[in-house]
Amino acid sequence: VRLVESGGGSVRSGGSLRLSCVGSGYTYSSYCMGWFRQVPGKEREGVASIDSDGRIRYKYSVKGRFTVSQGNAKNTLYLQMNSLTPDDTAMYYCAAVPLGVASATLSDLYCLRAANYDEGDWGKGTLVTVSS
C-alpha cells in the first residue's frame, strides 16, 4: 500500500490550500481514511477523517474551515483548507486503515484517532506553512 500526499506549501494567514492524497495497492471494503498533522515536539493529531460508511469527522478547531472529500475511486482523499492561520502550520499526513467490522459500528471519533491507524498505512507527509 502506498499513499502519496501533495499540495502543501507556504501561504499567508487567511489563505487556502488543497491537499491531495492518492493511494495505490489496496482495496478496502471497510476502512478509515484521514488527514493528520504534526508539529515538532507534539503528538500527531487527527484533522479530518472519512470512513467507508461516509461518516466525516473534524477536529473541532478546523470545523467550518476545512473540508475532507474523496474521489470517485475512493482511493483519493482531499483536504480543502480555507482561512488558514499560523496554528495550522504542520506536516500533514494521509493515512488509511482497513477495518474488520463495519465502520458504522465504531465509536464516533474512531477514525480521527491516529493510534487506530497502527495497522494501516501512512504517507510521508506534505508541509503546510502559514505565516502571519
C-alpha atoms as a PDB file:
ATOM      1  CA  VAL A   1       0.000   0.000   0.000  1.00  0.00           C
ATOM      2  CA  ARG A   2       1.288   3.402  -0.929  1.00  0.00           C
ATOM      3  CA  LEU A   3      -0.103   6.797  -0.012  1.00  0.00           C
ATOM      4  CA  VAL A   4       1.318   9.948  -1.555  1.00  0.00           C
ATOM      5  CA  GLU A   5       0.372  13.425  -0.400  1.00  0.00           C
ATOM      6  CA  SER A   6       0.738  16.640  -2.349  1.00  0.00           C
ATOM      7  CA  GLY A   7      -0.465  20.225  -2.260  1.00  0.00           C
ATOM      8  CA  GLY A   8       1.390  21.604   0.738  1.00  0.00           C
ATOM      9  CA  GLY A   9       3.108  24.957   0.599  1.00  0.00           C
ATOM     10  CA  SER A  10       3.506  28.351   2.179  1.00  0.00           C
ATOM     11  CA  VAL A  11       0.610  30.792   2.424  1.00  0.00           C
ATOM     12  CA  ARG A  12      -0.280  33.901   4.338  1.00  0.00           C
ATOM     13  CA  SER A  13      -2.820  33.865   7.116  1.00  0.00           C
ATOM     14  CA  GLY A  14      -6.314  33.743   5.644  1.00  0.00           C
ATOM     15  CA  GLY A  15      -5.153  31.863   2.584  1.00  0.00           C
ATOM     16  CA  SER A  16      -6.199  28.465   1.251  1.00  0.00           C
ATOM     17  CA  LEU A  17      -4.561  25.222   0.214  1.00  0.00           C
ATOM     18  CA  ARG A  18      -5.898  21.936  -1.134  1.00  0.00           C
ATOM     19  CA  LEU A  19      -4.102  18.772  -0.147  1.00  0.00           C
ATOM     20  CA  SER A  20      -4.407  15.565  -2.138  1.00  0.00           C
ATOM     21  CA  CYS A  21      -3.604  12.000  -1.218  1.00  0.00           C
ATOM     22  CA  VAL A  22      -3.501   9.226  -3.775  1.00  0.00           C
ATOM     23  CA  GLY A  23      -3.497   5.646  -2.580  1.00  0.00           C
ATOM     24  CA  SER A  24      -2.478   2.568  -4.524  1.00  0.00           C
ATOM     25  CA  GLY A  25      -2.088  -1.140  -3.924  1.00  0.00           C
ATOM     26  CA  TYR A  26      -5.208  -1.746  -1.863  1.00  0.00           C
ATOM     27  CA  THR A  27      -8.940  -2.153  -1.957  1.00  0.00           C
ATOM     28  CA  TYR A  28     -10.690  -1.929   1.373  1.00  0.00           C
ATOM     29  CA  SER A  29     -14.391  -2.615   1.778  1.00  0.00           C
ATOM     30  CA  SER A  30     -14.489  -1.213   5.308  1.00  0.00           C
ATOM     31  CA  TYR A  31     -11.964   1.443   6.214  1.00  0.00           C
ATOM     32  CA  CYS A  32     -10.982   4.725   7.775  1.00  0.00           C
ATOM     33  CA  MET A  33      -9.084   7.374   5.857  1.00  0.00           C
ATOM     34  CA  GLY A  34      -7.888  10.553   7.399  1.00  0.00           C
ATOM     35  CA  TRP A  35      -5.709  13.603   7.454  1.00  0.00           C
ATOM     36  CA  PHE A  36      -3.417  14.124  10.399  1.00  0.00           C
ATOM     37  CA  ARG A  37      -0.878  16.774  11.266  1.00  0.00           C
ATOM     38  CA  GLN A  38       2.150  17.039  13.458  1.00  0.00           C
ATOM     39  CA  VAL A  39       4.486  19.750  14.624  1.00  0.00           C
ATOM     40  CA  PRO A  40       7.866  19.020  16.205  1.00  0.00           C
ATOM     41  CA  GLY A  41       7.576  18.074  19.851  1.00  0.00           C
ATOM     42  CA  LYS A  42       3.862  17.335  19.715  1.00  0.00           C
ATOM     43  CA  GLU A  43       1.797  14.247  19.072  1.00  0.00           C
ATOM     44  CA  ARG A  44       0.228  13.623  15.711  1.00  0.00           C
ATOM     45  CA  GLU A  45      -3.386  14.780  15.768  1.00  0.00           C
ATOM     46  CA  GLY A  46      -6.387  13.981  13.662  1.00  0.00           C
ATOM     47  CA  VAL A  47      -7.651  16.805  11.465  1.00  0.00           C
ATOM     48  CA  ALA A  48     -10.359  15.190   9.357  1.00  0.00           C
ATOM     49  CA  SER A  49     -11.500  11.685   8.591  1.00  0.00           C
ATOM     50  CA  ILE A  50     -13.956   9.761   6.498  1.00  0.00           C
ATOM     51  CA  ASP A  51     -14.997   6.150   6.762  1.00  0.00           C
ATOM     52  CA  SER A  52     -16.451   3.615   4.374  1.00  0.00           C
ATOM     53  CA  ASP A  53     -19.962   4.492   5.556  1.00  0.00           C
ATOM     54  CA  GLY A  54     -19.363   8.105   4.597  1.00  0.00           C
ATOM     55  CA  ARG A  55     -19.155   9.483   8.121  1.00  0.00           C
ATOM     56  CA  ILE A  56     -17.000  12.597   8.217  1.00  0.00           C
ATOM     57  CA  ARG A  57     -15.396  13.956  11.364  1.00  0.00           C
ATOM     58  CA  TYR A  58     -13.274  17.029  12.009  1.00  0.00           C
ATOM     59  CA  LYS A  59     -11.019  18.296  14.724  1.00  0.00           C
ATOM     60  CA  TYR A  60     -13.033  20.994  16.453  1.00  0.00           C
ATOM     61  CA  SER A  61     -10.659  23.839  15.584  1.00  0.00           C
ATOM     62  CA  VAL A  62     -10.913  23.227  11.824  1.00  0.00           C
ATOM     63  CA  LYS A  63     -14.677  22.820  11.560  1.00  0.00           C
ATOM     64  CA  GLY A  64     -16.119  25.286   9.084  1.00  0.00           C
ATOM     65  CA  ARG A  65     -12.680  25.941   7.552  1.00  0.00           C
ATOM     66  CA  PHE A  66     -11.539  22.515   6.321  1.00  0.00           C
ATOM     67  CA  THR A  67     -13.427  20.114   4.089  1.00  0.00           C
ATOM     68  CA  VAL A  68     -12.449  16.497   3.515  1.00  0.00           C
ATOM     69  CA  SER A  69     -13.649  14.596   0.479  1.00  0.00           C
ATOM     70  CA  GLN A  70     -12.909  11.513  -1.582  1.00  0.00           C
ATOM     71  CA  GLY A  71     -12.509  10.985  -5.255  1.00  0.00           C
ATOM     72  CA  ASN A  72     -14.887   8.709  -7.142  1.00  0.00           C
ATOM     73  CA  ALA A  73     -12.420   5.819  -6.934  1.00  0.00           C
ATOM     74  CA  LYS A  74     -12.337   6.131  -3.112  1.00  0.00           C
ATOM     75  CA  ASN A  75      -8.553   5.810  -3.098  1.00  0.00           C
ATOM     76  CA  THR A  76      -8.048   9.552  -3.341  1.00  0.00           C
ATOM     77  CA  LEU A  77      -8.529  11.847  -0.384  1.00  0.00           C
ATOM     78  CA  TYR A  78      -8.633  15.622  -0.448  1.00  0.00           C
ATOM     79  CA  LEU A  79      -8.457  18.290   2.198  1.00  0.00           C
ATOM     80  CA  GLN A  80      -9.587  21.776   1.267  1.00  0.00           C
ATOM     81  CA  MET A  81      -8.216  24.196   3.823  1.00  0.00           C
ATOM     82  CA  ASN A  82      -9.558  27.732   3.975  1.00  0.00           C
ATOM     83  CA  SER A  83      -8.988  30.639   6.351  1.00  0.00           C
ATOM     84  CA  LEU A  84      -5.649  29.222   7.360  1.00  0.00           C
ATOM     85  CA  THR A  85      -3.926  30.536  10.453  1.00  0.00           C
ATOM     86  CA  PRO A  86      -0.353  30.133  11.736  1.00  0.00           C
ATOM     87  CA  ASP A  87      -1.692  27.482  14.160  1.00  0.00           C
ATOM     88  CA  ASP A  88      -2.383  25.292  11.118  1.00  0.00           C
ATOM     89  CA  THR A  89       1.320  25.127  10.317  1.00  0.00           C
ATOM     90  CA  ALA A  90       2.389  21.475  10.435  1.00  0.00           C
ATOM     91  CA  MET A  91       3.379  18.440   8.439  1.00  0.00           C
ATOM     92  CA  TYR A  92       0.167  16.919   7.119  1.00  0.00           C
ATOM     93  CA  TYR A  93      -0.152  13.188   6.657  1.00  0.00           C
ATOM     94  CA  CYS A  94      -2.679  10.997   4.928  1.00  0.00           C
ATOM     95  CA  ALA A  95      -3.466   7.590   6.400  1.00  0.00           C
ATOM     96  CA  ALA A  96      -5.718   4.630   5.672  1.00  0.00           C
ATOM     97  CA  VAL A  97      -6.550   1.532   7.654  1.00  0.00           C
ATOM     98  CA  PRO A  98      -8.762  -1.460   6.878  1.00  0.00           C
ATOM     99  CA  LEU A  99     -11.391  -2.376   9.428  1.00  0.00           C
ATOM    100  CA  GLY A 100     -12.515  -5.844  10.459  1.00  0.00           C
ATOM    101  CA  VAL A 101     -16.029  -4.578  11.149  1.00  0.00           C
ATOM    102  CA  ALA A 102     -18.461  -2.153   9.570  1.00  0.00           C
ATOM    103  CA  SER A 103     -17.206   1.355  10.241  1.00  0.00           C
ATOM    104  CA  ALA A 104     -20.636   2.429  11.469  1.00  0.00           C
ATOM    105  CA  THR A 105     -20.256   0.117  14.477  1.00  0.00           C
ATOM    106  CA  LEU A 106     -17.225   2.016  15.731  1.00  0.00           C
ATOM    107  CA  SER A 107     -17.173   4.950  18.098  1.00  0.00           C
ATOM    108  CA  ASP A 108     -17.910   8.374  16.700  1.00  0.00           C
ATOM    109  CA  LEU A 109     -14.313   9.627  16.626  1.00  0.00           C
ATOM    110  CA  TYR A 110     -12.594   6.320  15.942  1.00  0.00           C
ATOM    111  CA  CYS A 111     -11.270   7.319  12.531  1.00  0.00           C
ATOM    112  CA  LEU A 112      -9.939  10.618  13.860  1.00  0.00           C
ATOM    113  CA  ARG A 113      -7.529   8.959  16.289  1.00  0.00           C
ATOM    114  CA  ALA A 114      -4.009   8.382  14.947  1.00  0.00           C
ATOM    115  CA  ALA A 115      -3.452   5.365  17.185  1.00  0.00           C
ATOM    116  CA  ASN A 116      -6.189   3.483  15.344  1.00  0.00           C
ATOM    117  CA  TYR A 117      -4.087   3.556  12.184  1.00  0.00           C
ATOM    118  CA  ASP A 118      -1.222   1.496  13.629  1.00  0.00           C
ATOM    119  CA  GLU A 119      -2.267  -1.456  11.447  1.00  0.00           C
ATOM    120  CA  GLY A 120      -2.711   0.786   8.431  1.00  0.00           C
ATOM    121  CA  ASP A 121      -0.524   2.881   6.160  1.00  0.00           C
ATOM    122  CA  TRP A 122       0.781   6.411   6.194  1.00  0.00           C
ATOM    123  CA  GLY A 123       2.089   8.753   3.570  1.00  0.00           C
ATOM    124  CA  LYS A 124       5.323  10.645   4.020  1.00  0.00           C
ATOM    125  CA  GLY A 125       3.608  13.965   4.551  1.00  0.00           C
ATOM    126  CA  THR A 126       3.368  17.360   2.946  1.00  0.00           C
ATOM    127  CA  LEU A 127       4.406  20.544   4.742  1.00  0.00           C
ATOM    128  CA  VAL A 128       1.972  23.400   5.286  1.00  0.00           C
ATOM    129  CA  THR A 129       3.370  26.695   6.490  1.00  0.00           C
ATOM    130  CA  VAL A 130       1.101  29.630   7.314  1.00  0.00           C
ATOM    131  CA  SER A 131       2.674  32.987   8.044  1.00  0.00           C
ATOM    132  CA  SER A 132       1.002  35.876   9.804  1.00  0.00           C
END
